[in-house]
Amino acid sequence: MIASTTDSALDAVAGLAMIAGAALMFLAGVGAVRFRDLYSRIHAIAKAPTLGMALISLGGAIALDEGRGKILLAVALIFITAPSAAHFIGRAAYGADDVEHRLDGDDDLAAVVADRAPD
């Protein structure tokens, strides 16, 4: 009787983690559509889905009996690659001529790029 109560509690925690992760993924999609400038959109499509995928994977790791190591490895790889890819996309977009990147604040990267430009 105790094992079934524990299993149902773990299933509930797994379900809540998966629902929270799906909500973050949905909010990231809304942010990508609603935000106006490039960098806000990159932030929305890199940060929230990374955490959302981690929560969905955590729910899967709790719910499944086998394959937890593979799930945790996938989460680690997502945590490494998603922010790095967003950073590289942002830097490439900054240097592109066809991409409009309106900033609401100061452009701190302009001085760094100007110092590194070849003569």
N, C-alpha and C. Protein backbone atom coordinates (compact mmCIF):
# COMPACT_ATOMS: atom_id res chain seq x y z
N MET A 1 0.81 -1.19 0.00
CA MET A 1 0.00 0.00 0.00
C MET A 1 0.86 1.26 0.00
N ILE A 2 1.98 1.24 0.70
CA ILE A 2 2.85 2.40 0.77
C ILE A 2 3.53 2.65 -0.58
N ALA A 3 3.90 1.58 -1.26
CA ALA A 3 4.57 1.73 -2.55
C ALA A 3 3.66 2.42 -3.56
N SER A 4 2.39 2.12 -3.57
CA SER A 4 1.48 2.75 -4.52
C SER A 4 1.29 4.24 -4.20
N THR A 5 1.31 4.61 -2.92
CA THR A 5 1.21 6.02 -2.55
C THR A 5 2.46 6.77 -2.99
N THR A 6 3.62 6.16 -2.82
CA THR A 6 4.86 6.77 -3.25
C THR A 6 4.91 6.89 -4.77
N ASP A 7 4.46 5.85 -5.46
CA ASP A 7 4.44 5.90 -6.92
C ASP A 7 3.51 6.99 -7.43
N SER A 8 2.36 7.13 -6.82
CA SER A 8 1.43 8.16 -7.28
C SER A 8 1.96 9.56 -6.98
N ALA A 9 2.67 9.72 -5.87
CA ALA A 9 3.27 11.01 -5.56
C ALA A 9 4.37 11.35 -6.56
N LEU A 10 5.20 10.36 -6.90
CA LEU A 10 6.24 10.59 -7.90
C LEU A 10 5.64 10.89 -9.27
N ASP A 11 4.56 10.21 -9.62
CA ASP A 11 3.88 10.49 -10.88
C ASP A 11 3.32 11.91 -10.90
N ALA A 12 2.81 12.37 -9.77
CA ALA A 12 2.28 13.74 -9.69
C ALA A 12 3.40 14.76 -9.84
N VAL A 13 4.54 14.53 -9.19
CA VAL A 13 5.68 15.44 -9.31
C VAL A 13 6.19 15.45 -10.75
N ALA A 14 6.27 14.28 -11.35
CA ALA A 14 6.72 14.20 -12.74
C ALA A 14 5.77 14.94 -13.67
N GLY A 15 4.48 14.76 -13.45
CA GLY A 15 3.49 15.46 -14.27
C GLY A 15 3.56 16.96 -14.12
N LEU A 16 3.72 17.43 -12.89
CA LEU A 16 3.83 18.87 -12.65
C LEU A 16 5.08 19.45 -13.30
N ALA A 17 6.20 18.72 -13.22
CA ALA A 17 7.43 19.19 -13.86
C ALA A 17 7.25 19.27 -15.37
N MET A 18 6.60 18.29 -15.95
CA MET A 18 6.38 18.29 -17.40
C MET A 18 5.44 19.41 -17.82
N ILE A 19 4.40 19.66 -17.04
CA ILE A 19 3.48 20.75 -17.36
C ILE A 19 4.17 22.10 -17.24
N ALA A 20 4.98 22.28 -16.20
CA ALA A 20 5.72 23.53 -16.04
C ALA A 20 6.71 23.72 -17.19
N GLY A 21 7.38 22.66 -17.61
CA GLY A 21 8.30 22.75 -18.74
C GLY A 21 7.59 23.08 -20.03
N ALA A 22 6.43 22.48 -20.25
CA ALA A 22 5.65 22.79 -21.45
C ALA A 22 5.17 24.23 -21.43
N ALA A 23 4.81 24.73 -20.25
CA ALA A 23 4.38 26.13 -20.15
C ALA A 23 5.53 27.08 -20.49
N LEU A 24 6.73 26.76 -20.02
CA LEU A 24 7.89 27.59 -20.37
C LEU A 24 8.18 27.55 -21.86
N MET A 25 8.06 26.39 -22.47
CA MET A 25 8.26 26.28 -23.91
C MET A 25 7.23 27.13 -24.66
N PHE A 26 5.98 27.09 -24.21
CA PHE A 26 4.92 27.89 -24.82
C PHE A 26 5.22 29.38 -24.67
N LEU A 27 5.62 29.80 -23.48
CA LEU A 27 5.94 31.21 -23.24
C LEU A 27 7.12 31.67 -24.09
N ALA A 28 8.06 30.79 -24.33
CA ALA A 28 9.18 31.14 -25.20
C ALA A 28 8.70 31.40 -26.63
N GLY A 29 7.76 30.59 -27.09
CA GLY A 29 7.19 30.82 -28.41
C GLY A 29 6.43 32.13 -28.49
N VAL A 30 5.69 32.44 -27.44
CA VAL A 30 4.97 33.72 -27.40
C VAL A 30 5.97 34.88 -27.37
N GLY A 31 7.03 34.74 -26.61
CA GLY A 31 8.05 35.78 -26.55
C GLY A 31 8.74 35.99 -27.88
N ALA A 32 8.97 34.93 -28.61
CA ALA A 32 9.62 35.05 -29.92
C ALA A 32 8.73 35.81 -30.91
N VAL A 33 7.43 35.68 -30.74
CA VAL A 33 6.51 36.38 -31.63
C VAL A 33 6.28 37.82 -31.17
N ARG A 34 6.18 38.02 -29.87
CA ARG A 34 5.79 39.33 -29.34
C ARG A 34 6.93 40.34 -29.21
N PHE A 35 8.14 39.88 -28.92
CA PHE A 35 9.23 40.83 -28.72
C PHE A 35 9.61 41.48 -30.04
N ARG A 36 10.06 42.74 -29.95
CA ARG A 36 10.31 43.50 -31.16
C ARG A 36 11.74 43.39 -31.66
N ASP A 37 12.70 43.47 -30.78
CA ASP A 37 14.08 43.49 -31.27
C ASP A 37 14.72 42.11 -31.25
N LEU A 38 15.78 41.99 -32.01
CA LEU A 38 16.45 40.72 -32.23
C LEU A 38 16.97 40.10 -30.94
N TYR A 39 17.57 40.90 -30.10
CA TYR A 39 18.21 40.36 -28.90
C TYR A 39 17.19 39.89 -27.86
N SER A 40 16.07 40.55 -27.78
CA SER A 40 15.00 40.08 -26.89
C SER A 40 14.45 38.75 -27.38
N ARG A 41 14.31 38.62 -28.68
CA ARG A 41 13.83 37.36 -29.24
C ARG A 41 14.82 36.23 -29.01
N ILE A 42 16.11 36.52 -29.19
CA ILE A 42 17.12 35.50 -28.93
C ILE A 42 17.08 35.08 -27.47
N HIS A 43 16.92 36.04 -26.59
CA HIS A 43 16.84 35.72 -25.16
C HIS A 43 15.64 34.82 -24.87
N ALA A 44 14.50 35.15 -25.49
CA ALA A 44 13.28 34.36 -25.25
C ALA A 44 13.41 32.95 -25.78
N ILE A 45 14.06 32.78 -26.94
CA ILE A 45 14.12 31.44 -27.52
C ILE A 45 15.32 30.63 -27.05
N ALA A 46 16.14 31.21 -26.18
CA ALA A 46 17.27 30.45 -25.65
C ALA A 46 17.11 30.10 -24.18
N LYS A 47 16.63 31.02 -23.39
CA LYS A 47 16.61 30.80 -21.93
C LYS A 47 15.42 29.95 -21.49
N ALA A 48 14.22 30.35 -21.85
CA ALA A 48 13.03 29.63 -21.38
C ALA A 48 12.95 28.20 -21.91
N PRO A 49 13.25 27.95 -23.19
CA PRO A 49 13.19 26.55 -23.64
C PRO A 49 14.25 25.66 -22.98
N THR A 50 15.39 26.24 -22.62
CA THR A 50 16.41 25.44 -21.96
C THR A 50 15.90 24.95 -20.61
N LEU A 51 15.32 25.84 -19.83
CA LEU A 51 14.76 25.44 -18.54
C LEU A 51 13.53 24.56 -18.74
N GLY A 52 12.72 24.87 -19.74
CA GLY A 52 11.54 24.04 -20.02
C GLY A 52 11.91 22.62 -20.39
N MET A 53 12.93 22.48 -21.22
CA MET A 53 13.39 21.14 -21.60
C MET A 53 13.96 20.41 -20.40
N ALA A 54 14.64 21.13 -19.52
CA ALA A 54 15.18 20.51 -18.31
C ALA A 54 14.04 20.00 -17.42
N LEU A 55 12.97 20.78 -17.28
CA LEU A 55 11.85 20.34 -16.46
C LEU A 55 11.13 19.15 -17.08
N ILE A 56 10.94 19.18 -18.40
CA ILE A 56 10.31 18.05 -19.07
C ILE A 56 11.18 16.80 -18.92
N SER A 57 12.47 16.95 -19.06
CA SER A 57 13.38 15.81 -18.90
C SER A 57 13.41 15.31 -17.46
N LEU A 58 13.36 16.23 -16.51
CA LEU A 58 13.30 15.83 -15.10
C LEU A 58 12.04 15.02 -14.83
N GLY A 59 10.93 15.46 -15.38
CA GLY A 59 9.69 14.69 -15.23
C GLY A 59 9.81 13.32 -15.86
N GLY A 60 10.45 13.25 -17.02
CA GLY A 60 10.66 11.95 -17.66
C GLY A 60 11.58 11.05 -16.86
N ALA A 61 12.62 11.63 -16.28
CA ALA A 61 13.55 10.84 -15.47
C ALA A 61 12.87 10.31 -14.21
N ILE A 62 11.96 11.09 -13.65
CA ILE A 62 11.23 10.63 -12.47
C ILE A 62 10.25 9.53 -12.85
N ALA A 63 9.58 9.70 -13.99
CA ALA A 63 8.52 8.76 -14.38
C ALA A 63 9.07 7.44 -14.91
N LEU A 64 10.22 7.47 -15.56
CA LEU A 64 10.76 6.26 -16.17
C LEU A 64 11.66 5.51 -15.20
N ASP A 65 11.71 4.21 -15.38
CA ASP A 65 12.58 3.40 -14.53
C ASP A 65 13.97 3.24 -15.12
N GLU A 66 14.07 3.25 -16.44
CA GLU A 66 15.36 3.07 -17.10
C GLU A 66 15.66 4.26 -17.99
N GLY A 67 16.93 4.47 -18.25
CA GLY A 67 17.33 5.53 -19.16
C GLY A 67 17.54 6.88 -18.52
N ARG A 68 17.63 6.93 -17.20
CA ARG A 68 17.81 8.22 -16.53
C ARG A 68 19.14 8.86 -16.86
N GLY A 69 20.16 8.05 -17.01
CA GLY A 69 21.49 8.58 -17.35
C GLY A 69 21.49 9.25 -18.70
N LYS A 70 20.80 8.67 -19.67
CA LYS A 70 20.72 9.26 -21.00
C LYS A 70 19.95 10.57 -20.98
N ILE A 71 18.90 10.61 -20.19
CA ILE A 71 18.12 11.84 -20.08
C ILE A 71 18.96 12.95 -19.46
N LEU A 72 19.69 12.63 -18.41
CA LEU A 72 20.53 13.64 -17.75
C LEU A 72 21.66 14.10 -18.65
N LEU A 73 22.21 13.20 -19.45
CA LEU A 73 23.23 13.58 -20.42
C LEU A 73 22.66 14.53 -21.46
N ALA A 74 21.46 14.25 -21.93
CA ALA A 74 20.81 15.13 -22.91
C ALA A 74 20.56 16.52 -22.32
N VAL A 75 20.13 16.57 -21.06
CA VAL A 75 19.91 17.86 -20.40
C VAL A 75 21.22 18.63 -20.28
N ALA A 76 22.30 17.95 -19.93
CA ALA A 76 23.61 18.61 -19.82
C ALA A 76 24.04 19.18 -21.17
N LEU A 77 23.83 18.42 -22.23
CA LEU A 77 24.20 18.91 -23.56
C LEU A 77 23.35 20.09 -23.98
N ILE A 78 22.07 20.08 -23.64
CA ILE A 78 21.20 21.21 -23.97
C ILE A 78 21.63 22.45 -23.20
N PHE A 79 21.99 22.28 -21.93
CA PHE A 79 22.43 23.43 -21.14
C PHE A 79 23.74 24.02 -21.66
N ILE A 80 24.55 23.23 -22.33
CA ILE A 80 25.79 23.74 -22.91
C ILE A 80 25.54 24.37 -24.27
N THR A 81 24.78 23.71 -25.12
CA THR A 81 24.67 24.15 -26.51
C THR A 81 23.68 25.28 -26.73
N ALA A 82 22.55 25.30 -26.05
CA ALA A 82 21.53 26.32 -26.33
C ALA A 82 22.01 27.74 -26.02
N PRO A 83 22.56 28.03 -24.85
CA PRO A 83 23.05 29.39 -24.62
C PRO A 83 24.24 29.76 -25.52
N SER A 84 25.09 28.79 -25.80
CA SER A 84 26.23 29.06 -26.68
C SER A 84 25.77 29.40 -28.09
N ALA A 85 24.80 28.65 -28.59
CA ALA A 85 24.27 28.92 -29.93
C ALA A 85 23.60 30.29 -29.98
N ALA A 86 22.85 30.64 -28.94
CA ALA A 86 22.20 31.95 -28.91
C ALA A 86 23.23 33.07 -28.89
N HIS A 87 24.32 32.87 -28.17
CA HIS A 87 25.38 33.87 -28.13
C HIS A 87 26.01 34.04 -29.51
N PHE A 88 26.31 32.95 -30.18
CA PHE A 88 26.93 33.04 -31.50
C PHE A 88 25.98 33.64 -32.53
N ILE A 89 24.70 33.34 -32.43
CA ILE A 89 23.73 33.94 -33.35
C ILE A 89 23.64 35.44 -33.12
N GLY A 90 23.64 35.85 -31.86
CA GLY A 90 23.60 37.28 -31.55
C GLY A 90 24.83 38.02 -32.05
N ARG A 91 26.00 37.42 -31.88
CA ARG A 91 27.22 38.07 -32.37
C ARG A 91 27.25 38.13 -33.89
N ALA A 92 26.77 37.07 -34.56
CA ALA A 92 26.73 37.08 -36.02
C ALA A 92 25.72 38.11 -36.53
N ALA A 93 24.60 38.23 -35.85
CA ALA A 93 23.59 39.21 -36.26
C ALA A 93 24.08 40.63 -36.05
N TYR A 94 24.90 40.84 -35.02
CA TYR A 94 25.43 42.17 -34.76
C TYR A 94 26.32 42.63 -35.91
N GLY A 95 27.08 41.72 -36.46
CA GLY A 95 27.98 42.10 -37.55
C GLY A 95 27.34 42.07 -38.93
N ALA A 96 26.13 41.56 -39.04
CA ALA A 96 25.46 41.47 -40.34
C ALA A 96 24.92 42.83 -40.77
N ASP A 97 24.98 43.10 -42.05
CA ASP A 97 24.49 44.38 -42.57
C ASP A 97 22.98 44.38 -42.77
N ASP A 98 22.40 43.23 -43.08
CA ASP A 98 20.98 43.17 -43.42
C ASP A 98 20.06 43.03 -42.21
N VAL A 99 20.62 42.86 -41.03
CA VAL A 99 19.80 42.63 -39.83
C VAL A 99 19.69 43.94 -39.06
N GLU A 100 18.44 44.33 -38.80
CA GLU A 100 18.22 45.54 -38.01
C GLU A 100 18.25 45.16 -36.53
N HIS A 101 19.14 45.76 -35.79
CA HIS A 101 19.23 45.47 -34.36
C HIS A 101 19.13 46.78 -33.58
N ARG A 102 17.90 47.19 -33.37
CA ARG A 102 17.62 48.39 -32.60
C ARG A 102 17.82 48.06 -31.12
N LEU A 103 18.53 48.93 -30.44
CA LEU A 103 18.78 48.73 -29.02
C LEU A 103 18.07 49.81 -28.22
N ASP A 104 17.55 49.45 -27.07
CA ASP A 104 16.90 50.42 -26.21
C ASP A 104 17.89 51.15 -25.31
N GLY A 105 19.06 50.59 -25.12
CA GLY A 105 20.07 51.20 -24.24
C GLY A 105 21.36 51.50 -24.99
N ASP A 106 22.44 51.59 -24.25
CA ASP A 106 23.76 51.86 -24.83
C ASP A 106 24.28 50.64 -25.58
N ASP A 107 25.07 50.90 -26.61
CA ASP A 107 25.69 49.83 -27.39
C ASP A 107 27.11 49.61 -26.87
N ASP A 108 27.26 48.74 -25.88
CA ASP A 108 28.56 48.48 -25.28
C ASP A 108 29.46 47.65 -26.17
N LEU A 109 28.88 46.90 -27.08
CA LEU A 109 29.67 46.03 -27.94
C LEU A 109 30.37 46.79 -29.06
N ALA A 110 29.90 47.97 -29.38
CA ALA A 110 30.49 48.74 -30.50
C ALA A 110 31.96 49.06 -30.24
N ALA A 111 32.31 49.40 -29.01
CA ALA A 111 33.70 49.70 -28.70
C ALA A 111 34.58 48.48 -28.79
N VAL A 112 34.07 47.33 -28.38
CA VAL A 112 34.83 46.08 -28.44
C VAL A 112 35.07 45.69 -29.89
N VAL A 113 34.04 45.81 -30.72
CA VAL A 113 34.17 45.44 -32.13
C VAL A 113 35.10 46.41 -32.85
N ALA A 114 35.04 47.69 -32.50
CA ALA A 114 35.89 48.68 -33.14
C ALA A 114 37.37 48.45 -32.78
N ASP A 115 37.65 48.00 -31.56
CA ASP A 115 39.03 47.72 -31.15
C ASP A 115 39.60 46.51 -31.86
N ARG A 116 38.76 45.57 -32.22
CA ARG A 116 39.22 44.33 -32.85
C ARG A 116 39.23 44.41 -34.38
N ALA A 117 38.73 45.49 -34.93
CA ALA A 117 38.66 45.61 -36.40
C ALA A 117 40.06 45.75 -36.97
N PRO A 118 40.33 45.03 -38.07
CA PRO A 118 41.65 45.15 -38.70
C PRO A 118 41.81 46.51 -39.36
N ASP A 119 43.02 46.98 -39.37
CA ASP A 119 43.29 48.31 -39.98
C ASP A 119 43.38 48.26 -41.46
